[in-house]
Amino acid sequence: MVKKKWMIYGANGYTGELIARQAKELGMDVILGGRNGPAVEKLARELGFSPRNFGLDDAMGIDDNIKDLA
């Protein structure tokens, strides 16, 4: 069975951060994504998740950053 990997995009925004913290509380292993690299990396480091930095206006960047996700 393949383990699915999920991303919370916009994790450094208000709602995204709430969802990321809930995911941590539930013991989930997610990737935090967003366009504000330093903010996403800071939150990911705090919660023990992996960060990914890319904007939604970059089609190739999107493809590269989600190709391994469920």
Protein backbone atom coordinates (compact mmCIF):
# COMPACT_ATOMS: atom_id res chain seq x y z
CA MET A 1 0.00 0.00 0.00
CA VAL A 2 1.33 3.42 -0.97
CA LYS A 3 1.23 6.06 1.73
CA LYS A 4 -0.38 9.26 0.46
CA LYS A 5 1.37 12.57 1.00
CA TRP A 6 -0.67 15.76 1.38
CA MET A 7 0.18 19.44 1.11
CA ILE A 8 -1.37 22.40 2.87
CA TYR A 9 -0.86 25.30 0.45
CA GLY A 10 -1.08 28.77 1.97
CA ALA A 11 0.05 27.33 5.27
CA ASN A 12 1.40 30.64 6.54
CA GLY A 13 -1.97 32.39 6.17
CA TYR A 14 -4.43 32.49 9.05
CA THR A 15 -6.60 29.53 8.04
CA GLY A 16 -3.70 27.54 6.59
CA GLU A 17 -1.77 27.85 9.83
CA LEU A 18 -4.77 26.65 11.84
CA ILE A 19 -5.07 23.63 9.54
CA ALA A 20 -1.32 22.92 9.76
CA ARG A 21 -1.43 23.03 13.56
CA GLN A 22 -4.46 20.72 13.59
CA ALA A 23 -2.65 18.31 11.27
CA LYS A 24 0.28 18.24 13.69
CA GLU A 25 -2.05 17.63 16.62
CA LEU A 26 -3.63 14.71 14.72
CA GLY A 27 -0.21 13.20 14.05
CA MET A 28 -0.33 13.76 10.32
CA ASP A 29 2.81 14.18 8.22
CA VAL A 30 2.09 16.88 5.67
CA ILE A 31 4.07 19.26 3.49
CA LEU A 32 3.55 22.98 3.99
CA GLY A 33 3.51 25.02 0.83
CA GLY A 34 3.19 28.66 -0.10
CA ARG A 35 4.71 31.57 -1.94
CA ASN A 36 6.20 33.27 1.13
CA GLY A 37 9.26 31.05 1.54
CA PRO A 38 10.60 32.38 4.86
CA ALA A 39 7.17 32.25 6.55
CA VAL A 40 6.40 28.74 5.27
CA GLU A 41 9.86 27.51 6.27
CA LYS A 42 9.55 28.99 9.76
CA LEU A 43 6.18 27.33 10.40
CA ALA A 44 7.36 24.03 8.87
CA ARG A 45 10.42 24.03 11.12
CA GLU A 46 8.29 24.77 14.18
CA LEU A 47 5.85 21.94 13.42
CA GLY A 48 8.38 19.44 12.06
CA PHE A 49 7.01 19.42 8.51
CA SER A 50 8.74 19.82 5.15
CA PRO A 51 8.34 23.18 3.38
CA ARG A 52 7.88 23.93 -0.32
CA ASN A 53 8.02 27.39 -1.80
CA PHE A 54 6.25 28.22 -5.07
CA GLY A 55 3.65 30.59 -6.41
CA LEU A 56 0.46 29.62 -8.18
CA ASP A 57 1.45 31.77 -11.16
CA ASP A 58 4.31 29.36 -12.01
CA ALA A 59 2.87 26.34 -13.84
CA MET A 60 6.20 24.49 -14.00
CA GLY A 61 6.84 25.21 -10.33
CA ILE A 62 3.43 23.81 -9.45
CA ASP A 63 4.08 20.66 -11.49
CA ASP A 64 7.48 20.16 -9.88
CA ASN A 65 6.14 20.63 -6.37
CA ILE A 66 3.05 18.44 -6.53
CA LYS A 67 4.13 15.56 -8.76
CA ASP A 68 4.82 13.29 -5.76
CA LEU A 69 1.55 14.06 -3.93
CA ALA A 70 -1.66 12.05 -3.77
